[in-house]
PDB file of N, CA and C in Angstrom:
ATOM      1  N   MET A   1       8.821  32.437  -7.106  1.00  0.00           N
ATOM      2  CA  MET A   1      10.060  33.165  -6.955  1.00  0.00           C
ATOM      3  C   MET A   1      11.120  32.300  -6.277  1.00  0.00           C
ATOM      4  N   GLU A   2      10.773  31.697  -5.149  1.00  0.00           N
ATOM      5  CA  GLU A   2      11.711  30.863  -4.441  1.00  0.00           C
ATOM      6  C   GLU A   2      12.202  29.718  -5.329  1.00  0.00           C
ATOM      7  N   GLU A   3      11.332  29.112  -6.131  1.00  0.00           N
ATOM      8  CA  GLU A   3      11.726  28.037  -6.980  1.00  0.00           C
ATOM      9  C   GLU A   3      12.752  28.466  -8.036  1.00  0.00           C
ATOM     10  N   ALA A   4      12.543  29.669  -8.587  1.00  0.00           N
ATOM     11  CA  ALA A   4      13.487  30.191  -9.530  1.00  0.00           C
ATOM     12  C   ALA A   4      14.826  30.393  -8.936  1.00  0.00           C
ATOM     13  N   ARG A   5      14.852  30.899  -7.647  1.00  0.00           N
ATOM     14  CA  ARG A   5      16.149  31.104  -6.978  1.00  0.00           C
ATOM     15  C   ARG A   5      16.886  29.781  -6.812  1.00  0.00           C
ATOM     16  N   ARG A   6      16.119  28.717  -6.400  1.00  0.00           N
ATOM     17  CA  ARG A   6      16.703  27.427  -6.111  1.00  0.00           C
ATOM     18  C   ARG A   6      17.316  26.850  -7.423  1.00  0.00           C
ATOM     19  N   CYS A   7      16.754  27.184  -8.543  1.00  0.00           N
ATOM     20  CA  CYS A   7      17.132  26.599  -9.847  1.00  0.00           C
ATOM     21  C   CYS A   7      18.376  27.279 -10.491  1.00  0.00           C
ATOM     22  N   GLU A   8      18.761  28.453  -9.948  1.00  0.00           N
ATOM     23  CA  GLU A   8      19.941  29.107 -10.526  1.00  0.00           C
ATOM     24  C   GLU A   8      21.188  28.348 -10.225  1.00  0.00           C
ATOM     25  N   VAL A   9      22.046  28.268 -11.207  1.00  0.00           N
ATOM     26  CA  VAL A   9      23.347  27.626 -11.063  1.00  0.00           C
ATOM     27  C   VAL A   9      24.437  28.569 -11.318  1.00  0.00           C
ATOM     28  N   ALA A  10      25.340  28.812 -10.442  1.00  0.00           N
ATOM     29  CA  ALA A  10      26.390  29.754 -10.646  1.00  0.00           C
ATOM     30  C   ALA A  10      27.751  29.022 -10.575  1.00  0.00           C
ATOM     31  N   THR A  11      28.812  29.725 -10.866  1.00  0.00           N
ATOM     32  CA  THR A  11      30.122  29.175 -10.782  1.00  0.00           C
ATOM     33  C   THR A  11      30.886  29.846  -9.621  1.00  0.00           C
ATOM     34  N   VAL A  12      31.494  29.037  -8.818  1.00  0.00           N
ATOM     35  CA  VAL A  12      32.255  29.481  -7.632  1.00  0.00           C
ATOM     36  C   VAL A  12      33.599  28.884  -7.713  1.00  0.00           C
ATOM     37  N   ARG A  13      34.606  29.593  -7.191  1.00  0.00           N
ATOM     38  CA  ARG A  13      35.939  29.105  -7.123  1.00  0.00           C
ATOM     39  C   ARG A  13      35.905  27.701  -6.393  1.00  0.00           C
ATOM     40  N   GLY A  14      36.603  26.728  -6.961  1.00  0.00           N
ATOM     41  CA  GLY A  14      36.557  25.373  -6.380  1.00  0.00           C
ATOM     42  C   GLY A  14      35.657  24.436  -7.144  1.00  0.00           C
ATOM     43  N   LEU A  15      34.717  24.972  -7.849  1.00  0.00           N
ATOM     44  CA  LEU A  15      33.814  24.149  -8.689  1.00  0.00           C
ATOM     45  C   LEU A  15      33.953  24.591 -10.119  1.00  0.00           C
ATOM     46  N   ARG A  16      34.387  23.726 -10.995  1.00  0.00           N
ATOM     47  CA  ARG A  16      34.504  24.025 -12.417  1.00  0.00           C
ATOM     48  C   ARG A  16      33.140  24.123 -13.014  1.00  0.00           C
ATOM     49  N   GLN A  17      32.931  24.930 -14.007  1.00  0.00           N
ATOM     50  CA  GLN A  17      31.638  25.028 -14.713  1.00  0.00           C
ATOM     51  C   GLN A  17      31.400  23.640 -15.261  1.00  0.00           C
ATOM     52  N   GLY A  18      30.272  23.128 -15.033  1.00  0.00           N
ATOM     53  CA  GLY A  18      29.903  21.820 -15.551  1.00  0.00           C
ATOM     54  C   GLY A  18      30.008  20.735 -14.451  1.00  0.00           C
ATOM     55  N   ASP A  19      30.767  20.945 -13.361  1.00  0.00           N
ATOM     56  CA  ASP A  19      30.754  19.944 -12.296  1.00  0.00           C
ATOM     57  C   ASP A  19      29.342  19.791 -11.713  1.00  0.00           C
ATOM     58  N   TRP A  20      28.735  18.671 -11.897  1.00  0.00           N
ATOM     59  CA  TRP A  20      27.383  18.467 -11.336  1.00  0.00           C
ATOM     60  C   TRP A  20      26.378  19.394 -11.849  1.00  0.00           C
ATOM     61  N   ALA A  21      26.600  20.086 -12.957  1.00  0.00           N
ATOM     62  CA  ALA A  21      25.714  21.157 -13.377  1.00  0.00           C
ATOM     63  C   ALA A  21      24.318  20.612 -13.766  1.00  0.00           C
ATOM     64  N   VAL A  22      24.241  19.509 -14.390  1.00  0.00           N
ATOM     65  CA  VAL A  22      22.892  18.925 -14.750  1.00  0.00           C
ATOM     66  C   VAL A  22      22.133  18.581 -13.492  1.00  0.00           C
ATOM     67  N   GLU A  23      22.833  17.942 -12.561  1.00  0.00           N
ATOM     68  CA  GLU A  23      22.172  17.553 -11.313  1.00  0.00           C
ATOM     69  C   GLU A  23      21.745  18.828 -10.517  1.00  0.00           C
ATOM     70  N   LEU A  24      22.590  19.808 -10.488  1.00  0.00           N
ATOM     71  CA  LEU A  24      22.251  21.048  -9.740  1.00  0.00           C
ATOM     72  C   LEU A  24      21.032  21.726 -10.351  1.00  0.00           C
ATOM     73  N   GLU A  25      20.901  21.714 -11.676  1.00  0.00           N
ATOM     74  CA  GLU A  25      19.744  22.288 -12.288  1.00  0.00           C
ATOM     75  C   GLU A  25      18.491  21.564 -11.912  1.00  0.00           C
ATOM     76  N   ARG A  26      18.604  20.312 -11.552  1.00  0.00           N
ATOM     77  CA  ARG A  26      17.409  19.485 -11.240  1.00  0.00           C
ATOM     78  C   ARG A  26      16.972  19.589  -9.822  1.00  0.00           C
ATOM     79  N   VAL A  27      17.715  20.312  -8.966  1.00  0.00           N
ATOM     80  CA  VAL A  27      17.387  20.487  -7.558  1.00  0.00           C
ATOM     81  C   VAL A  27      16.000  21.148  -7.429  1.00  0.00           C
ATOM     82  N   CYS A  28      15.654  22.004  -8.368  1.00  0.00           N
ATOM     83  CA  CYS A  28      14.334  22.709  -8.296  1.00  0.00           C
ATOM     84  C   CYS A  28      13.170  21.766  -8.477  1.00  0.00           C
ATOM     85  N   LEU A  29      13.471  20.558  -8.867  1.00  0.00           N
ATOM     86  CA  LEU A  29      12.367  19.552  -9.018  1.00  0.00           C
ATOM     87  C   LEU A  29      11.936  18.938  -7.637  1.00  0.00           C
ATOM     88  N   LEU A  30      12.802  19.118  -6.615  1.00  0.00           N
ATOM     89  CA  LEU A  30      12.546  18.497  -5.314  1.00  0.00           C
ATOM     90  C   LEU A  30      11.377  19.268  -4.538  1.00  0.00           C
ATOM     91  N   SER A  31      10.550  18.476  -3.860  1.00  0.00           N
ATOM     92  CA  SER A  31       9.504  19.086  -3.050  1.00  0.00           C
ATOM     93  C   SER A  31      10.221  19.775  -1.854  1.00  0.00           C
ATOM     94  N   ASP A  32       9.464  20.510  -1.061  1.00  0.00           N
ATOM     95  CA  ASP A  32      10.037  21.176   0.110  1.00  0.00           C
ATOM     96  C   ASP A  32      10.654  20.095   1.086  1.00  0.00           C
ATOM     97  N   ARG A  33       9.868  19.024   1.326  1.00  0.00           N
ATOM     98  CA  ARG A  33      10.333  18.000   2.256  1.00  0.00           C
ATOM     99  C   ARG A  33      11.551  17.267   1.702  1.00  0.00           C
ATOM    100  N   GLU A  34      11.568  16.977   0.411  1.00  0.00           N
ATOM    101  CA  GLU A  34      12.754  16.341  -0.215  1.00  0.00           C
ATOM    102  C   GLU A  34      13.941  17.276  -0.150  1.00  0.00           C
ATOM    103  N   GLU A  35      13.708  18.572  -0.273  1.00  0.00           N
ATOM    104  CA  GLU A  35      14.821  19.497  -0.136  1.00  0.00           C
ATOM    105  C   GLU A  35      15.410  19.506   1.276  1.00  0.00           C
ATOM    106  N   GLN A  36      14.583  19.371   2.272  1.00  0.00           N
ATOM    107  CA  GLN A  36      15.064  19.291   3.656  1.00  0.00           C
ATOM    108  C   GLN A  36      15.887  18.068   3.832  1.00  0.00           C
ATOM    109  N   VAL A  37      15.481  16.926   3.324  1.00  0.00           N
ATOM    110  CA  VAL A  37      16.220  15.713   3.376  1.00  0.00           C
ATOM    111  C   VAL A  37      17.515  15.831   2.569  1.00  0.00           C
ATOM    112  N   PHE A  38      17.450  16.442   1.374  1.00  0.00           N
ATOM    113  CA  PHE A  38      18.578  16.713   0.561  1.00  0.00           C
ATOM    114  C   PHE A  38      19.692  17.493   1.266  1.00  0.00           C
ATOM    115  N   ARG A  39      19.306  18.551   2.020  1.00  0.00           N
ATOM    116  CA  ARG A  39      20.225  19.345   2.779  1.00  0.00           C
ATOM    117  C   ARG A  39      20.879  18.525   3.859  1.00  0.00           C
ATOM    118  N   LEU A  40      20.075  17.721   4.565  1.00  0.00           N
ATOM    119  CA  LEU A  40      20.650  16.890   5.604  1.00  0.00           C
ATOM    120  C   LEU A  40      21.590  15.826   5.066  1.00  0.00           C
ATOM    121  N   LEU A  41      21.291  15.319   3.869  1.00  0.00           N
ATOM    122  CA  LEU A  41      22.183  14.338   3.195  1.00  0.00           C
ATOM    123  C   LEU A  41      23.557  15.075   2.961  1.00  0.00           C
ATOM    124  N   GLY A  42      23.515  16.313   2.491  1.00  0.00           N
ATOM    125  CA  GLY A  42      24.665  17.077   2.271  1.00  0.00           C
ATOM    126  C   GLY A  42      25.527  17.334   3.476  1.00  0.00           C
ATOM    127  N   ASP A  43      24.868  17.314   4.686  1.00  0.00           N
ATOM    128  CA  ASP A  43      25.572  17.434   5.932  1.00  0.00           C
ATOM    129  C   ASP A  43      26.115  16.101   6.456  1.00  0.00           C
ATOM    130  N   GLY A  44      25.767  15.005   5.705  1.00  0.00           N
ATOM    131  CA  GLY A  44      26.278  13.699   6.072  1.00  0.00           C
ATOM    132  C   GLY A  44      25.465  12.901   7.086  1.00  0.00           C
ATOM    133  N   HIS A  45      24.208  13.330   7.269  1.00  0.00           N
ATOM    134  CA  HIS A  45      23.383  12.629   8.237  1.00  0.00           C
ATOM    135  C   HIS A  45      22.863  11.337   7.723  1.00  0.00           C
ATOM    136  N   SER A  46      22.700  10.340   8.609  1.00  0.00           N
ATOM    137  CA  SER A  46      22.163   9.060   8.302  1.00  0.00           C
ATOM    138  C   SER A  46      20.669   9.120   8.144  1.00  0.00           C
ATOM    139  N   ASN A  47      20.051   8.088   7.638  1.00  0.00           N
ATOM    140  CA  ASN A  47      18.567   8.105   7.571  1.00  0.00           C
ATOM    141  C   ASN A  47      17.976   8.213   8.886  1.00  0.00           C
ATOM    142  N   ARG A  48      18.570   7.510   9.903  1.00  0.00           N
ATOM    143  CA  ARG A  48      18.027   7.533  11.273  1.00  0.00           C
ATOM    144  C   ARG A  48      18.060   8.986  11.844  1.00  0.00           C
ATOM    145  N   ALA A  49      19.215   9.634  11.663  1.00  0.00           N
ATOM    146  CA  ALA A  49      19.414  10.997  12.174  1.00  0.00           C
ATOM    147  C   ALA A  49      18.412  11.922  11.486  1.00  0.00           C
ATOM    148  N   ILE A  50      18.220  11.775  10.160  1.00  0.00           N
ATOM    149  CA  ILE A  50      17.249  12.582   9.428  1.00  0.00           C
ATOM    150  C   ILE A  50      15.863  12.363   9.968  1.00  0.00           C
ATOM    151  N   SER A  51      15.470  11.085  10.189  1.00  0.00           N
ATOM    152  CA  SER A  51      14.183  10.769  10.679  1.00  0.00           C
ATOM    153  C   SER A  51      13.902  11.385  12.028  1.00  0.00           C
ATOM    154  N   LEU A  52      14.897  11.347  12.957  1.00  0.00           N
ATOM    155  CA  LEU A  52      14.740  11.984  14.286  1.00  0.00           C
ATOM    156  C   LEU A  52      14.614  13.496  14.139  1.00  0.00           C
ATOM    157  N   ARG A  53      15.374  14.066  13.261  1.00  0.00           N
ATOM    158  CA  ARG A  53      15.384  15.536  13.085  1.00  0.00           C
ATOM    159  C   ARG A  53      14.040  16.065  12.513  1.00  0.00           C
ATOM    160  N   LEU A  54      13.495  15.293  11.542  1.00  0.00           N
ATOM    161  CA  LEU A  54      12.308  15.729  10.844  1.00  0.00           C
ATOM    162  C   LEU A  54      11.028  15.089  11.472  1.00  0.00           C
ATOM    163  N   ASN A  55      11.211  14.255  12.497  1.00  0.00           N
ATOM    164  CA  ASN A  55      10.140  13.609  13.179  1.00  0.00           C
ATOM    165  C   ASN A  55       9.230  12.794  12.258  1.00  0.00           C
ATOM    166  N   VAL A  56       9.888  11.914  11.414  1.00  0.00           N
ATOM    167  CA  VAL A  56       9.270  11.007  10.546  1.00  0.00           C
ATOM    168  C   VAL A  56       9.934   9.668  10.670  1.00  0.00           C
ATOM    169  N   THR A  57       9.349   8.595  10.068  1.00  0.00           N
ATOM    170  CA  THR A  57       9.971   7.315  10.195  1.00  0.00           C
ATOM    171  C   THR A  57      11.170   7.176   9.248  1.00  0.00           C
ATOM    172  N   GLU A  58      12.042   6.190   9.513  1.00  0.00           N
ATOM    173  CA  GLU A  58      13.158   5.940   8.651  1.00  0.00           C
ATOM    174  C   GLU A  58      12.660   5.481   7.277  1.00  0.00           C
ATOM    175  N   ARG A  59      11.563   4.767   7.256  1.00  0.00           N
ATOM    176  CA  ARG A  59      10.999   4.345   5.982  1.00  0.00           C
ATOM    177  C   ARG A  59      10.585   5.536   5.128  1.00  0.00           C
ATOM    178  N   THR A  60      10.045   6.581   5.761  1.00  0.00           N
ATOM    179  CA  THR A  60       9.670   7.798   5.067  1.00  0.00           C
ATOM    180  C   THR A  60      10.947   8.498   4.510  1.00  0.00           C
ATOM    181  N   VAL A  61      11.974   8.512   5.295  1.00  0.00           N
ATOM    182  CA  VAL A  61      13.244   9.107   4.847  1.00  0.00           C
ATOM    183  C   VAL A  61      13.794   8.353   3.647  1.00  0.00           C
ATOM    184  N   LYS A  62      13.737   7.028   3.741  1.00  0.00           N
ATOM    185  CA  LYS A  62      14.224   6.183   2.598  1.00  0.00           C
ATOM    186  C   LYS A  62      13.429   6.484   1.360  1.00  0.00           C
ATOM    187  N   ALA A  63      12.125   6.649   1.492  1.00  0.00           N
ATOM    188  CA  ALA A  63      11.300   7.027   0.352  1.00  0.00           C
ATOM    189  C   ALA A  63      11.686   8.386  -0.248  1.00  0.00           C
ATOM    190  N   HIS A  64      11.972   9.336   0.618  1.00  0.00           N
ATOM    191  CA  HIS A  64      12.407  10.666   0.138  1.00  0.00           C
ATOM    192  C   HIS A  64      13.717  10.543  -0.527  1.00  0.00           C
ATOM    193  N   VAL A  65      14.643   9.796   0.055  1.00  0.00           N
ATOM    194  CA  VAL A  65      15.979   9.639  -0.557  1.00  0.00           C
ATOM    195  C   VAL A  65      15.834   8.988  -1.956  1.00  0.00           C
ATOM    196  N   ALA A  66      14.988   7.974  -2.081  1.00  0.00           N
ATOM    197  CA  ALA A  66      14.769   7.331  -3.364  1.00  0.00           C
ATOM    198  C   ALA A  66      14.265   8.329  -4.378  1.00  0.00           C
ATOM    199  N   GLN A  67      13.320   9.182  -3.963  1.00  0.00           N
ATOM    200  CA  GLN A  67      12.767  10.226  -4.881  1.00  0.00           C
ATOM    201  C   GLN A  67      13.849  11.259  -5.268  1.00  0.00           C
ATOM    202  N   ILE A  68      14.701  11.585  -4.318  1.00  0.00           N
ATOM    203  CA  ILE A  68      15.817  12.552  -4.618  1.00  0.00           C
ATOM    204  C   ILE A  68      16.739  11.953  -5.638  1.00  0.00           C
ATOM    205  N   LEU A  69      17.128  10.671  -5.431  1.00  0.00           N
ATOM    206  CA  LEU A  69      18.008  10.022  -6.356  1.00  0.00           C
ATOM    207  C   LEU A  69      17.415   9.999  -7.749  1.00  0.00           C
ATOM    208  N   GLU A  70      16.186   9.674  -7.853  1.00  0.00           N
ATOM    209  CA  GLU A  70      15.486   9.659  -9.117  1.00  0.00           C
ATOM    210  C   GLU A  70      15.399  11.003  -9.773  1.00  0.00           C
ATOM    211  N   LYS A  71      14.953  12.017  -9.010  1.00  0.00           N
ATOM    212  CA  LYS A  71      14.812  13.346  -9.574  1.00  0.00           C
ATOM    213  C   LYS A  71      16.121  13.975 -10.047  1.00  0.00           C
ATOM    214  N   LEU A  72      17.197  13.717  -9.261  1.00  0.00           N
ATOM    215  CA  LEU A  72      18.518  14.304  -9.615  1.00  0.00           C
ATOM    216  C   LEU A  72      19.238  13.464 -10.660  1.00  0.00           C
ATOM    217  N   ARG A  73      18.712  12.200 -10.832  1.00  0.00           N
ATOM    218  CA  ARG A  73      19.315  11.259 -11.737  1.00  0.00           C
ATOM    219  C   ARG A  73      20.756  10.942 -11.291  1.00  0.00           C
ATOM    220  N   VAL A  74      20.899  10.660 -10.012  1.00  0.00           N
ATOM    221  CA  VAL A  74      22.185  10.182  -9.454  1.00  0.00           C
ATOM    222  C   VAL A  74      22.025   8.734  -8.961  1.00  0.00           C
ATOM    223  N   GLU A  75      23.130   8.064  -8.809  1.00  0.00           N
ATOM    224  CA  GLU A  75      23.105   6.607  -8.431  1.00  0.00           C
ATOM    225  C   GLU A  75      23.141   6.296  -6.987  1.00  0.00           C
ATOM    226  N   SER A  76      23.609   7.250  -6.165  1.00  0.00           N
ATOM    227  CA  SER A  76      23.775   6.967  -4.725  1.00  0.00           C
ATOM    228  C   SER A  76      23.525   8.120  -3.858  1.00  0.00           C
ATOM    229  N   ARG A  77      23.340   7.822  -2.551  1.00  0.00           N
ATOM    230  CA  ARG A  77      23.175   8.937  -1.589  1.00  0.00           C
ATOM    231  C   ARG A  77      24.423   9.746  -1.499  1.00  0.00           C
ATOM    232  N   LEU A  78      25.629   9.134  -1.739  1.00  0.00           N
ATOM    233  CA  LEU A  78      26.869   9.883  -1.706  1.00  0.00           C
ATOM    234  C   LEU A  78      26.840  10.952  -2.819  1.00  0.00           C
ATOM    235  N   GLN A  79      26.429  10.552  -4.038  1.00  0.00           N
ATOM    236  CA  GLN A  79      26.331  11.537  -5.078  1.00  0.00           C
ATOM    237  C   GLN A  79      25.348  12.609  -4.775  1.00  0.00           C
ATOM    238  N   ALA A  80      24.227  12.227  -4.187  1.00  0.00           N
ATOM    239  CA  ALA A  80      23.184  13.193  -3.822  1.00  0.00           C
ATOM    240  C   ALA A  80      23.787  14.179  -2.761  1.00  0.00           C
ATOM    241  N   GLY A  81      24.566  13.680  -1.857  1.00  0.00           N
ATOM    242  CA  GLY A  81      25.203  14.448  -0.803  1.00  0.00           C
ATOM    243  C   GLY A  81      26.226  15.462  -1.414  1.00  0.00           C
ATOM    244  N   ILE A  82      26.908  14.979  -2.458  1.00  0.00           N
ATOM    245  CA  ILE A  82      27.896  15.886  -3.108  1.00  0.00           C
ATOM    246  C   ILE A  82      27.131  17.028  -3.822  1.00  0.00           C
ATOM    247  N   VAL A  83      26.054  16.631  -4.480  1.00  0.00           N
ATOM    248  CA  VAL A  83      25.280  17.654  -5.201  1.00  0.00           C
ATOM    249  C   VAL A  83      24.696  18.658  -4.152  1.00  0.00           C
ATOM    250  N   SER A  84      24.245  18.138  -3.017  1.00  0.00           N
ATOM    251  CA  SER A  84      23.696  19.000  -1.969  1.00  0.00           C
ATOM    252  C   SER A  84      24.781  20.016  -1.488  1.00  0.00           C
ATOM    253  N   TYR A  85      25.925  19.490  -1.208  1.00  0.00           N
ATOM    254  CA  TYR A  85      27.019  20.321  -0.723  1.00  0.00           C
ATOM    255  C   TYR A  85      27.357  21.412  -1.834  1.00  0.00           C
ATOM    256  N   ALA A  86      27.471  21.019  -3.098  1.00  0.00           N
ATOM    257  CA  ALA A  86      27.728  21.988  -4.175  1.00  0.00           C
ATOM    258  C   ALA A  86      26.603  22.975  -4.270  1.00  0.00           C
ATOM    259  N   HIS A  87      25.389  22.538  -4.131  1.00  0.00           N
ATOM    260  CA  HIS A  87      24.253  23.452  -4.157  1.00  0.00           C
ATOM    261  C   HIS A  87      24.309  24.499  -3.036  1.00  0.00           C
ATOM    262  N   ARG A  88      24.717  24.058  -1.896  1.00  0.00           N
ATOM    263  CA  ARG A  88      24.866  24.955  -0.748  1.00  0.00           C
ATOM    264  C   ARG A  88      25.967  25.957  -1.024  1.00  0.00           C
ATOM    265  N   VAL A  89      27.105  25.505  -1.524  1.00  0.00           N
ATOM    266  CA  VAL A  89      28.255  26.416  -1.785  1.00  0.00           C
ATOM    267  C   VAL A  89      27.855  27.474  -2.841  1.00  0.00           C
ATOM    268  N   LEU A  90      27.130  27.002  -3.887  1.00  0.00           N
ATOM    269  CA  LEU A  90      26.809  27.880  -4.940  1.00  0.00           C
ATOM    270  C   LEU A  90      25.639  28.876  -4.593  1.00  0.00           C
ATOM    271  N   ASN A  91      24.757  28.460  -3.689  1.00  0.00           N
ATOM    272  CA  ASN A  91      23.585  29.292  -3.489  1.00  0.00           C
ATOM    273  C   ASN A  91      23.527  29.987  -2.095  1.00  0.00           C
ATOM    274  N   GLU A  92      24.352  29.569  -1.237  1.00  0.00           N
ATOM    275  CA  GLU A  92      24.309  30.138   0.144  1.00  0.00           C
ATOM    276  C   GLU A  92      25.609  30.825   0.552  1.00  0.00           C
ATOM    277  N   SER A  93      26.499  31.003  -0.382  1.00  0.00           N
ATOM    278  CA  SER A  93      27.731  31.689  -0.074  1.00  0.00           C
ATOM    279  C   SER A  93      27.406  33.168   0.099  1.00  0.00           C
ATOM    280  N   PRO A  94      27.993  33.793   1.115  1.00  0.00           N
ATOM    281  CA  PRO A  94      27.722  35.242   1.267  1.00  0.00           C
ATOM    282  C   PRO A  94      28.257  36.002   0.068  1.00  0.00           C
ATOM    283  N   ALA A  95      27.420  36.726  -0.600  1.00  0.00           N
ATOM    284  CA  ALA A  95      27.839  37.527  -1.715  1.00  0.00           C
ATOM    285  C   ALA A  95      28.213  38.970  -1.266  1.00  0.00           C
ATOM    286  N   PRO A  96      29.168  39.554  -1.893  1.00  0.00           N
ATOM    287  CA  PRO A  96      29.491  40.886  -1.511  1.00  0.00           C
ATOM    288  C   PRO A  96      28.243  41.808  -1.700  1.00  0.00           C
ATOM    289  N   CYS A  97      28.119  42.728  -0.734  1.00  0.00           N
ATOM    290  CA  CYS A  97      26.932  43.641  -0.758  1.00  0.00           C
ATOM    291  C   CYS A  97      27.482  45.033  -0.885  1.00  0.00           C
ATOM    292  N   PHE A  98      27.109  45.757  -1.932  1.00  0.00           N
ATOM    293  CA  PHE A  98      27.554  47.070  -2.191  1.00  0.00           C
ATOM    294  C   PHE A  98      26.528  48.096  -1.932  1.00  0.00           C
ATOM    295  N   CYS A  99      25.377  47.707  -1.427  1.00  0.00           N
ATOM    296  CA  CYS A  99      24.208  48.609  -1.342  1.00  0.00           C
ATOM    297  C   CYS A  99      24.042  49.204   0.032  1.00  0.00           C
ATOM    298  N   GLY A 100      24.908  48.812   1.004  1.00  0.00           N
ATOM    299  CA  GLY A 100      24.794  49.322   2.311  1.00  0.00           C
ATOM    300  C   GLY A 100      23.898  48.539   3.216  1.00  0.00           C
ATOM    301  N   PHE A 101      23.371  47.465   2.737  1.00  0.00           N
ATOM    302  CA  PHE A 101      22.452  46.648   3.536  1.00  0.00           C
ATOM    303  C   PHE A 101      23.113  45.263   3.752  1.00  0.00           C
ATOM    304  N   GLY A 102      22.886  44.690   4.832  1.00  0.00           N
ATOM    305  CA  GLY A 102      23.362  43.295   5.166  1.00  0.00           C
ATOM    306  C   GLY A 102      22.468  42.288   4.426  1.00  0.00           C
ATOM    307  N   ARG A 103      22.772  41.038   4.558  1.00  0.00           N
ATOM    308  CA  ARG A 103      21.991  39.941   3.916  1.00  0.00           C
ATOM    309  C   ARG A 103      20.608  39.951   4.451  1.00  0.00           C
ATOM    310  N   ASP A 104      20.397  40.339   5.719  1.00  0.00           N
ATOM    311  CA  ASP A 104      19.093  40.317   6.345  1.00  0.00           C
ATOM    312  C   ASP A 104      18.273  41.558   6.053  1.00  0.00           C
ATOM    313  N   GLY A 105      18.818  42.479   5.245  1.00  0.00           N
ATOM    314  CA  GLY A 105      18.065  43.726   4.910  1.00  0.00           C
ATOM    315  C   GLY A 105      18.285  44.868   5.862  1.00  0.00           C
ATOM    316  N   ASP A 106      19.000  44.652   6.972  1.00  0.00           N
ATOM    317  CA  ASP A 106      19.224  45.726   7.917  1.00  0.00           C
ATOM    318  C   ASP A 106      20.374  46.601   7.470  1.00  0.00           C
ATOM    319  N   ARG A 107      20.251  47.867   7.747  1.00  0.00           N
ATOM    320  CA  ARG A 107      21.357  48.799   7.498  1.00  0.00           C
ATOM    321  C   ARG A 107      22.592  48.407   8.166  1.00  0.00           C
ATOM    322  N   ARG A 108      23.718  48.408   7.489  1.00  0.00           N
ATOM    323  CA  ARG A 108      24.993  48.140   8.208  1.00  0.00           C
ATOM    324  C   ARG A 108      25.413  49.366   8.923  1.00  0.00           C
ATOM    325  N   SER A 109      26.000  49.155  10.114  1.00  0.00           N
ATOM    326  CA  SER A 109      26.502  50.261  10.864  1.00  0.00           C
ATOM    327  C   SER A 109      27.995  50.471  10.612  1.00  0.00           C
ATOM    328  N   GLY A 110      28.551  51.529  11.131  1.00  0.00           N
ATOM    329  CA  GLY A 110      29.988  51.770  10.950  1.00  0.00           C
ATOM    330  C   GLY A 110      30.373  52.477   9.657  1.00  0.00           C
ATOM    331  N   ARG A 111      29.535  53.250   9.152  1.00  0.00           N
ATOM    332  CA  ARG A 111      29.888  54.046   7.914  1.00  0.00           C
ATOM    333  C   ARG A 111      30.784  55.124   8.175  1.00  0.00           C
TER     334      ARG A 111
END
């Protein structure tokens, strides 16, 4: 289920349909650890900062970055970072909720 959610590509204001669409569809190919590195790339973190945050060596981070570039079929960590940012915008933007529940499933107060 989680993998299917990660693979969905939507259109949001500010991103034209087709901008990075192929790369965004390939995000679901990333392992859990690669996805963690991918998110941190999107935040602009260096390999060193990522290694400290994930408690792994820089060499391990470089290996994950190489795998991310290959799986997304992008040429640079900058492109991977752009795809990561677009993925976050498309998949983590708060969606309007009309069911009376918040994003965490709790009943909203103030009705």
